[in-house]
N, C-alpha and C. Protein backbone atom coordinates (compact mmCIF):
# COMPACT_ATOMS: atom_id res chain seq x y z
N MET A 1 -5.24 -13.13 -2.31
CA MET A 1 -6.73 -13.21 -1.56
C MET A 1 -7.64 -13.34 -2.77
N PRO A 2 -8.93 -13.71 -1.95
CA PRO A 2 -9.90 -13.69 -2.69
C PRO A 2 -11.34 -12.83 -2.76
N MET A 3 -11.71 -12.88 -4.04
CA MET A 3 -12.45 -11.56 -4.17
C MET A 3 -13.66 -11.63 -3.91
N ASP A 4 -14.15 -11.49 -3.08
CA ASP A 4 -15.78 -11.56 -2.95
C ASP A 4 -16.37 -9.73 -2.87
N ASN A 5 -17.85 -9.95 -2.64
CA ASN A 5 -17.95 -8.73 -2.54
C ASN A 5 -18.20 -8.09 -1.24
N SER A 6 -17.79 -9.08 -0.23
CA SER A 6 -17.80 -8.61 1.28
C SER A 6 -16.78 -8.12 1.54
N ASN A 7 -15.39 -8.36 0.60
CA ASN A 7 -14.36 -7.68 1.32
C ASN A 7 -13.54 -6.87 -0.13
N ILE A 8 -14.66 -6.03 -1.17
CA ILE A 8 -14.00 -5.17 -1.94
C ILE A 8 -13.80 -4.10 -2.14
N TYR A 9 -14.93 -3.80 -0.36
CA TYR A 9 -14.62 -2.25 -0.38
C TYR A 9 -13.10 -2.05 0.83
N SER A 10 -12.95 -3.06 1.88
CA SER A 10 -11.76 -3.39 2.15
C SER A 10 -10.47 -3.54 1.80
N LEU A 11 -10.77 -4.03 0.36
CA LEU A 11 -9.10 -4.19 -0.46
C LEU A 11 -9.44 -2.92 -0.87
N ASN A 12 -10.23 -2.06 -1.28
CA ASN A 12 -10.17 -0.63 -1.83
C ASN A 12 -9.76 0.38 -0.66
N ASN A 13 -9.80 -0.22 0.20
CA ASN A 13 -9.27 0.76 1.52
C ASN A 13 -7.90 0.56 1.92
N PHE A 14 -7.42 -0.80 1.61
CA PHE A 14 -6.32 -1.20 2.03
C PHE A 14 -5.48 -0.63 0.59
N ASP A 15 -5.66 -0.66 -0.25
CA ASP A 15 -4.96 -0.28 -1.46
C ASP A 15 -4.80 1.39 -0.92
N PHE A 16 -5.67 2.15 -0.89
CA PHE A 16 -5.72 3.70 -0.88
C PHE A 16 -4.57 3.81 0.81
N LEU A 17 -4.45 3.00 1.59
CA LEU A 17 -3.76 3.07 2.47
C LEU A 17 -2.60 2.54 1.91
N ALA A 18 -1.99 1.81 1.24
CA ALA A 18 -0.57 1.47 0.56
C ALA A 18 -0.17 2.50 -0.03
N GLN A 19 -1.21 3.20 -1.01
CA GLN A 19 -0.62 4.29 -2.02
C GLN A 19 -0.61 5.85 -1.12
N SER A 20 -1.16 6.11 -0.12
CA SER A 20 -0.71 6.81 0.88
C SER A 20 0.44 6.69 1.43
N PHE A 21 0.85 5.64 2.29
CA PHE A 21 1.87 5.64 2.62
C PHE A 21 3.20 5.59 1.58
N ALA A 22 3.02 5.03 0.40
CA ALA A 22 4.09 5.30 -0.10
C ALA A 22 4.14 6.38 -1.12
N ARG A 23 3.22 7.15 -0.90
CA ARG A 23 3.11 8.75 -1.50
C ARG A 23 4.07 9.38 -0.09
N MET A 24 3.75 8.99 1.22
CA MET A 24 4.63 9.67 2.63
C MET A 24 5.94 9.13 2.46
N HIS A 25 6.34 8.03 2.27
CA HIS A 25 7.73 7.59 2.45
C HIS A 25 8.41 8.45 0.86
N ASP A 26 7.52 8.53 -0.15
CA ASP A 26 8.49 9.27 -1.37
C ASP A 26 8.83 10.63 -0.62
N GLN A 27 8.02 11.55 0.19
CA GLN A 27 8.06 12.57 1.01
C GLN A 27 9.15 12.65 1.78
N GLY A 28 9.70 11.55 2.16
CA GLY A 28 11.00 11.86 3.13
C GLY A 28 10.27 11.30 4.26
N GLN A 29 8.90 10.93 4.66
CA GLN A 29 8.32 10.40 5.76
C GLN A 29 8.68 9.02 6.13
N ASP A 30 9.11 8.86 7.42
CA ASP A 30 9.37 7.34 7.95
C ASP A 30 7.89 6.56 7.92
N VAL A 31 7.96 5.47 7.38
CA VAL A 31 6.85 4.67 7.21
C VAL A 31 7.38 3.49 7.96
N ASP A 32 6.44 2.96 8.80
CA ASP A 32 6.72 1.45 9.73
C ASP A 32 6.26 0.50 9.06
N LEU A 33 6.42 -0.24 8.38
CA LEU A 33 5.52 -1.33 7.69
C LEU A 33 4.92 -2.38 8.87
N GLU A 34 5.96 -2.56 9.81
CA GLU A 34 5.74 -3.47 10.59
C GLU A 34 4.80 -3.53 11.52
N ALA A 35 4.47 -1.57 11.74
CA ALA A 35 3.46 -1.25 12.59
C ALA A 35 2.51 -1.28 11.76
N ILE A 36 2.71 -1.08 10.87
CA ILE A 36 1.25 -0.81 9.85
C ILE A 36 0.71 -2.24 9.55
N THR A 37 1.52 -3.39 9.47
CA THR A 37 0.46 -4.44 9.35
C THR A 37 0.58 -5.28 10.45
N GLY A 38 1.10 -4.75 11.47
CA GLY A 38 1.05 -5.93 12.67
C GLY A 38 0.14 -6.46 12.87
N ASN A 39 -1.55 -6.00 12.65
CA ASN A 39 -2.42 -6.80 13.41
C ASN A 39 -2.86 -7.52 12.30
N MET A 40 -2.84 -7.61 11.07
CA MET A 40 -2.96 -8.14 9.63
C MET A 40 -2.51 -9.85 9.44
N ASP A 41 -3.26 -10.59 9.09
CA ASP A 41 -3.16 -11.63 9.18
C ASP A 41 -2.44 -12.05 7.82
N GLU A 42 -1.70 -13.03 7.62
CA GLU A 42 -0.71 -13.09 6.34
C GLU A 42 -1.09 -12.56 5.03
N GLU A 43 -2.04 -13.12 5.18
CA GLU A 43 -2.69 -13.03 3.59
C GLU A 43 -2.46 -11.83 3.35
N HIS A 44 -3.47 -10.84 4.42
CA HIS A 44 -3.56 -9.44 3.94
C HIS A 44 -2.30 -8.73 4.11
N ARG A 45 -1.32 -9.37 4.92
CA ARG A 45 0.07 -8.35 5.05
C ARG A 45 0.61 -8.40 3.95
N VAL A 46 0.94 -9.64 3.45
CA VAL A 46 2.14 -10.26 1.99
C VAL A 46 0.99 -9.35 1.03
N TRP A 47 -0.27 -9.22 0.90
CA TRP A 47 -1.04 -8.50 -0.30
C TRP A 47 -0.41 -6.85 -0.04
N PHE A 48 -0.84 -6.32 0.85
CA PHE A 48 -0.31 -4.97 1.64
C PHE A 48 0.84 -4.58 1.06
N CYS A 49 1.59 -5.35 1.73
CA CYS A 49 3.51 -4.73 1.36
C CYS A 49 3.79 -4.83 -0.11
N ARG A 50 2.73 -5.72 -1.12
CA ARG A 50 3.11 -5.81 -2.07
C ARG A 50 2.72 -4.63 -3.08
N ARG A 51 1.48 -4.59 -2.90
CA ARG A 51 0.51 -2.87 -3.17
C ARG A 51 1.73 -1.66 -2.82
N TYR A 52 2.29 -1.93 -1.54
CA TYR A 52 3.19 -0.57 -1.05
C TYR A 52 4.69 -0.25 -1.91
N GLU A 53 5.07 -1.86 -2.32
CA GLU A 53 6.01 -1.37 -3.00
C GLU A 53 5.76 -1.18 -4.40
N ARG A 54 4.53 -1.96 -4.87
CA ARG A 54 4.44 -1.06 -6.19
C ARG A 54 4.43 0.20 -6.01
N TYR A 55 3.59 0.81 -5.27
CA TYR A 55 3.42 2.08 -5.19
C TYR A 55 4.60 2.87 -5.01
N CYS A 56 5.80 2.42 -4.45
CA CYS A 56 6.53 3.14 -3.75
C CYS A 56 7.71 2.99 -5.57
N GLN A 57 7.74 2.18 -5.94
CA GLN A 57 8.38 1.98 -7.12
C GLN A 57 7.67 3.02 -7.96
N LYS A 58 6.47 3.04 -8.18
CA LYS A 58 5.98 3.99 -8.92
C LYS A 58 6.22 5.53 -8.87
N GLN A 59 6.00 5.93 -7.36
CA GLN A 59 6.54 7.26 -6.87
C GLN A 59 7.76 7.48 -7.45
N SER A 60 8.86 6.43 -7.35
CA SER A 60 10.29 7.23 -7.60
C SER A 60 10.54 7.20 -9.07
N VAL A 61 9.67 7.27 -9.72
CA VAL A 61 10.29 7.91 -11.15
C VAL A 61 8.98 9.00 -11.45
N PRO A 62 9.91 9.80 -12.02
CA PRO A 62 9.67 10.86 -12.24
C PRO A 62 8.40 10.85 -13.59
N GLU A 63 7.36 11.70 -13.09
CA GLU A 63 6.31 11.95 -14.37
C GLU A 63 6.76 13.04 -15.11
N LEU A 64 6.40 12.64 -16.24
CA LEU A 64 6.88 13.33 -17.35
C LEU A 64 5.81 14.81 -17.44
N GLU A 65 6.35 16.26 -17.38
CA GLU A 65 5.50 17.44 -17.35
C GLU A 65 4.48 16.98 -18.95
N HIS A 66 3.49 17.84 -18.83
CA HIS A 66 2.94 18.19 -20.06
C HIS A 66 2.84 19.48 -20.74
């Protein structure tokens, strides 16, 4: 996905959404990626799904207590 100034804010929003949906998934809520990404073009859909999967993997690893 090309990174130019016109879409950096939208990428930040997509990243926030991917992280939020991954957190919801980790909490046991149903997340329908097909419904979430249904209106995205292919490039954005692939990027979003990769970010979502990355956050899901991070969520499943228990954090160490301090």
